[in-house]
């Protein structure tokens, strides 16, 4: 994140055990989720972030999850080809318990967490497009007797046009104990940037334009296919 720049990403997801259930909010096992992700570049190499996550079921009124967290990320290495390596330290807390007694009873896995994440990223510029790849490895320690976790991430992107970005994200979660559930999420998506349209007689804006980007995608847990999938819609905004 460049110094003094800020970024806001809001994602709304609908998780269901079948394609039909996505459009049936009262179906058992369906769940709605919304996440807010904000970052601010303190310096050219250091970024502060805030995350808010909420999930709820239309069937079970006690199945409510509300998490609040924060992180700091520091870029400690830049290669000759522009590739970078960063370290991120963060924590999150089960805020649903602050709202009322019993709200988090149906989410025993929602506990306080602290994590350390190592990240590596690189981009490529071609004559007709550009692409990037980002990899991450994370150790996450969890409270209240929940299994600690190792998580591995990968994100690849290809930009066929100035406005269109094709993305593929994957995450493997490996619990370090007998009680946790291993997951392997696959998340393809497309992101469309709403660049300002200039007519034949319009002048190009002198100031940098920071348009809005819309993201559409799905998430499927290949390790637990019977759990269904999520349909995701996100909005990205730079300030």
Protein backbone atom coordinates (compact mmCIF):
# COMPACT_ATOMS: atom_id res chain seq x y z
CA UNK A 1 0.00 0.00 0.00
CA UNK A 2 1.56 3.39 -1.01
CA UNK A 3 2.17 5.92 1.74
CA UNK A 4 -0.94 7.97 2.71
CA UNK A 5 -3.16 5.82 0.47
CA UNK A 6 -6.16 3.93 1.83
CA UNK A 7 -8.13 0.97 0.52
CA UNK A 8 -11.59 -0.33 1.40
CA UNK A 9 -12.97 -3.73 0.31
CA UNK A 10 -16.53 -4.81 1.21
CA UNK A 11 -17.52 -8.39 0.35
CA UNK A 12 -20.97 -9.96 0.66
CA UNK A 13 -21.21 -13.76 0.44
CA UNK A 14 -24.03 -16.27 0.38
CA UNK A 15 -23.07 -19.82 1.44
CA UNK A 16 -25.33 -22.73 0.53
CA UNK A 17 -25.23 -26.51 0.24
CA UNK A 18 -26.84 -26.51 -3.22
CA UNK A 19 -27.23 -24.11 -6.12
CA UNK A 20 -30.98 -23.75 -5.49
CA UNK A 21 -30.45 -22.84 -1.83
CA UNK A 22 -28.50 -19.70 -2.78
CA UNK A 23 -31.85 -18.05 -3.62
CA UNK A 24 -33.78 -19.57 -0.69
CA UNK A 25 -32.77 -17.70 2.48
CA UNK A 26 -34.75 -19.94 4.86
CA UNK A 27 -33.09 -23.19 3.77
CA UNK A 28 -31.31 -25.18 6.47
CA UNK A 29 -27.55 -24.84 6.21
CA UNK A 30 -27.49 -21.57 4.29
CA UNK A 31 -25.54 -18.65 5.69
CA UNK A 32 -24.95 -15.00 4.80
CA UNK A 33 -21.62 -13.30 5.44
CA UNK A 34 -20.23 -9.80 5.03
CA UNK A 35 -16.67 -8.63 5.54
CA UNK A 36 -15.11 -5.17 5.63
CA UNK A 37 -11.37 -4.86 4.99
CA UNK A 38 -9.62 -1.49 5.30
CA UNK A 39 -5.92 -0.59 5.01
CA UNK A 40 -3.86 2.57 5.28
CA UNK A 41 -0.27 3.07 4.14
CA UNK A 42 1.62 4.59 7.07
CA UNK A 43 4.89 4.55 5.13
CA UNK A 44 5.98 3.15 1.78
CA UNK A 45 6.77 -0.17 3.49
CA UNK A 46 4.34 -0.36 6.44
CA UNK A 47 0.56 -0.78 6.27
CA UNK A 48 -2.07 -0.85 9.02
CA UNK A 49 -5.33 -2.73 8.56
CA UNK A 50 -8.74 -3.30 10.12
CA UNK A 51 -11.12 -6.19 9.48
CA UNK A 52 -14.77 -6.70 10.46
CA UNK A 53 -16.57 -9.95 9.68
CA UNK A 54 -20.22 -10.84 10.30
CA UNK A 55 -22.00 -14.10 9.57
CA UNK A 56 -25.54 -15.19 10.36
CA UNK A 57 -28.14 -17.84 9.55
CA UNK A 58 -31.72 -17.00 8.64
CA UNK A 59 -32.83 -20.31 10.21
CA UNK A 60 -30.91 -20.36 13.51
CA UNK A 61 -31.16 -16.98 15.29
CA UNK A 62 -28.34 -17.94 17.69
CA UNK A 63 -25.93 -18.76 14.86
CA UNK A 64 -24.32 -15.32 14.78
CA UNK A 65 -20.63 -14.54 14.32
CA UNK A 66 -19.09 -11.08 14.55
CA UNK A 67 -15.30 -10.75 14.44
CA UNK A 68 -13.18 -7.63 14.76
CA UNK A 69 -9.47 -7.65 14.01
CA UNK A 70 -6.45 -5.65 12.99
CA UNK A 71 -3.03 -6.20 11.44
CA UNK A 72 0.25 -4.53 10.58
CA UNK A 73 2.24 -5.53 7.49
CA UNK A 74 5.83 -4.56 6.71
CA UNK A 75 7.69 -5.06 3.45
CA UNK A 76 11.23 -6.09 4.38
CA UNK A 77 12.68 -7.09 1.01
CA UNK A 78 12.43 -5.99 -2.62
CA UNK A 79 14.12 -7.98 -5.41
CA UNK A 80 15.78 -6.71 -8.56
CA UNK A 81 12.77 -7.81 -10.63
CA UNK A 82 10.31 -5.97 -8.40
CA UNK A 83 9.27 -9.01 -6.38
CA UNK A 84 8.64 -8.30 -2.70
CA UNK A 85 8.49 -10.14 0.62
CA UNK A 86 6.46 -8.98 3.61
CA UNK A 87 5.61 -10.06 7.14
CA UNK A 88 2.19 -9.49 8.70
CA UNK A 89 1.14 -9.71 12.35
CA UNK A 90 -2.55 -9.64 13.25
CA UNK A 91 -5.25 -10.62 15.72
CA UNK A 92 -9.03 -10.98 15.79
CA UNK A 93 -11.65 -11.33 18.52
CA UNK A 94 -15.16 -12.90 18.76
CA UNK A 95 -17.18 -9.71 19.19
CA UNK A 96 -20.58 -11.45 19.05
CA UNK A 97 -20.14 -12.29 22.73
CA UNK A 98 -20.10 -8.59 23.53
CA UNK A 99 -23.61 -8.12 22.12
CA UNK A 100 -25.54 -10.46 24.36
CA UNK A 101 -25.46 -13.68 26.33
CA UNK A 102 -25.76 -16.83 24.24
CA UNK A 103 -25.21 -15.23 20.82
CA UNK A 104 -21.97 -17.13 20.22
CA UNK A 105 -23.05 -20.45 21.72
CA UNK A 106 -23.57 -22.07 18.32
CA UNK A 107 -20.13 -20.93 17.10
CA UNK A 108 -17.70 -22.55 19.57
CA UNK A 109 -14.93 -22.26 16.99
CA UNK A 110 -15.18 -18.45 17.07
CA UNK A 111 -12.37 -17.60 19.49
CA UNK A 112 -9.58 -15.07 19.89
CA UNK A 113 -6.77 -15.58 17.38
CA UNK A 114 -3.27 -14.22 16.78
CA UNK A 115 -1.38 -14.93 13.56
CA UNK A 116 1.97 -14.38 11.86
CA UNK A 117 1.99 -14.39 8.06
CA UNK A 118 4.89 -14.40 5.59
CA UNK A 119 4.08 -13.23 2.05
CA UNK A 120 5.86 -13.16 -1.29
CA UNK A 121 4.59 -11.52 -4.46
CA UNK A 122 5.76 -10.90 -8.00
CA UNK A 123 4.33 -9.34 -11.13
CA UNK A 124 5.01 -9.71 -14.86
CA UNK A 125 4.50 -7.22 -17.66
CA UNK A 126 3.83 -8.49 -21.17
CA UNK A 127 3.17 -6.67 -24.43
CA UNK A 128 -0.54 -7.52 -24.31
CA UNK A 129 -1.27 -7.89 -20.61
CA UNK A 130 0.13 -8.10 -17.09
CA UNK A 131 -0.07 -10.77 -14.40
CA UNK A 132 0.89 -11.37 -10.79
CA UNK A 133 1.33 -14.16 -8.26
CA UNK A 134 1.20 -13.89 -4.47
CA UNK A 135 2.03 -16.69 -1.99
CA UNK A 136 1.65 -16.77 1.78
CA UNK A 137 2.27 -19.06 4.76
CA UNK A 138 0.75 -18.43 8.16
CA UNK A 139 0.81 -19.75 11.71
CA UNK A 140 -2.38 -18.98 13.65
CA UNK A 141 -2.72 -19.62 17.38
CA UNK A 142 -6.29 -19.89 18.70
CA UNK A 143 -7.70 -19.55 22.20
CA UNK A 144 -10.04 -21.59 24.41
CA UNK A 145 -8.46 -24.92 23.56
CA UNK A 146 -9.11 -24.71 19.81
CA UNK A 147 -6.45 -26.26 17.57
CA UNK A 148 -3.78 -23.95 16.26
CA UNK A 149 -3.52 -23.83 12.47
CA UNK A 150 -1.14 -23.62 9.57
CA UNK A 151 -2.56 -21.81 6.57
CA UNK A 152 -1.16 -21.52 3.06
CA UNK A 153 -2.43 -19.03 0.47
CA UNK A 154 -2.01 -18.43 -3.21
CA UNK A 155 -3.46 -15.74 -5.48
CA UNK A 156 -2.91 -15.41 -9.20
CA UNK A 157 -4.19 -12.65 -11.45
CA UNK A 158 -4.24 -11.96 -15.19
CA UNK A 159 -5.45 -8.70 -16.76
CA UNK A 160 -6.75 -9.29 -20.32
CA UNK A 161 -7.90 -5.65 -20.61
CA UNK A 162 -7.45 -2.43 -18.65
CA UNK A 163 -10.80 -2.96 -16.94
CA UNK A 164 -10.96 -6.75 -16.48
CA UNK A 165 -8.93 -8.79 -14.00
CA UNK A 166 -9.24 -12.59 -13.77
CA UNK A 167 -8.34 -13.93 -10.32
CA UNK A 168 -7.84 -17.31 -8.72
CA UNK A 169 -7.39 -17.63 -4.95
CA UNK A 170 -6.73 -20.78 -2.95
CA UNK A 171 -6.34 -21.40 0.78
CA UNK A 172 -5.37 -24.59 2.60
CA UNK A 173 -6.02 -24.72 6.35
CA UNK A 174 -4.27 -27.50 8.29
CA UNK A 175 -5.26 -27.77 11.99
CA UNK A 176 -2.43 -28.76 14.36
CA UNK A 177 -4.57 -31.10 16.43
CA UNK A 178 -7.25 -33.80 16.26
CA UNK A 179 -10.34 -31.60 16.57
CA UNK A 180 -9.96 -29.07 13.76
CA UNK A 181 -11.37 -29.51 10.27
CA UNK A 182 -9.01 -29.32 7.31
CA UNK A 183 -10.22 -27.16 4.43
CA UNK A 184 -9.01 -26.43 0.91
CA UNK A 185 -10.83 -23.46 -0.62
CA UNK A 186 -10.80 -22.75 -4.37
CA UNK A 187 -12.03 -19.27 -5.34
CA UNK A 188 -12.13 -18.16 -8.97
CA UNK A 189 -13.45 -14.66 -9.64
CA UNK A 190 -13.43 -11.73 -12.04
CA UNK A 191 -13.00 -8.06 -11.13
CA UNK A 192 -14.31 -5.27 -13.32
CA UNK A 193 -12.95 -1.74 -12.84
CA UNK A 194 -15.35 1.09 -13.60
CA UNK A 195 -12.88 3.38 -15.35
CA UNK A 196 -14.19 6.87 -16.21
CA UNK A 197 -15.46 7.03 -19.78
CA UNK A 198 -13.96 9.79 -21.92
CA UNK A 199 -15.71 11.04 -25.00
CA UNK A 200 -14.00 12.25 -28.15
CA UNK A 201 -13.84 15.85 -26.92
CA UNK A 202 -13.25 15.15 -23.22
CA UNK A 203 -10.00 16.15 -21.57
CA UNK A 204 -8.05 13.56 -19.65
CA UNK A 205 -8.26 14.31 -15.88
CA UNK A 206 -5.10 15.90 -14.53
CA UNK A 207 -5.37 14.20 -11.13
CA UNK A 208 -4.97 10.46 -10.58
CA UNK A 209 -8.27 8.63 -10.98
CA UNK A 210 -9.18 6.00 -8.38
CA UNK A 211 -12.21 4.21 -9.80
CA UNK A 212 -14.34 1.57 -8.12
CA UNK A 213 -13.82 -2.13 -8.84
CA UNK A 214 -16.57 -4.79 -8.63
CA UNK A 215 -15.64 -8.44 -7.98
CA UNK A 216 -17.80 -11.52 -8.65
CA UNK A 217 -16.80 -15.07 -7.74
CA UNK A 218 -17.48 -18.35 -5.99
CA UNK A 219 -15.70 -20.29 -3.23
CA UNK A 220 -15.77 -24.09 -2.97
CA UNK A 221 -14.13 -26.26 -0.29
CA UNK A 222 -12.62 -29.14 -2.27
CA UNK A 223 -11.80 -31.02 0.95
CA UNK A 224 -15.41 -30.87 2.19
CA UNK A 225 -17.52 -30.82 -1.01
CA UNK A 226 -20.78 -31.60 0.81
CA UNK A 227 -20.55 -28.25 2.65
CA UNK A 228 -21.60 -26.49 -0.53
CA UNK A 229 -20.16 -23.28 -1.93
CA UNK A 230 -20.35 -19.51 -1.57
CA UNK A 231 -21.36 -16.88 -4.11
CA UNK A 232 -19.37 -13.70 -3.49
CA UNK A 233 -19.77 -10.06 -4.49
CA UNK A 234 -17.18 -7.45 -3.54
CA UNK A 235 -16.55 -3.72 -3.97
CA UNK A 236 -13.00 -2.29 -3.92
CA UNK A 237 -12.30 1.39 -3.45
CA UNK A 238 -9.00 3.31 -3.21
CA UNK A 239 -8.73 6.70 -1.50
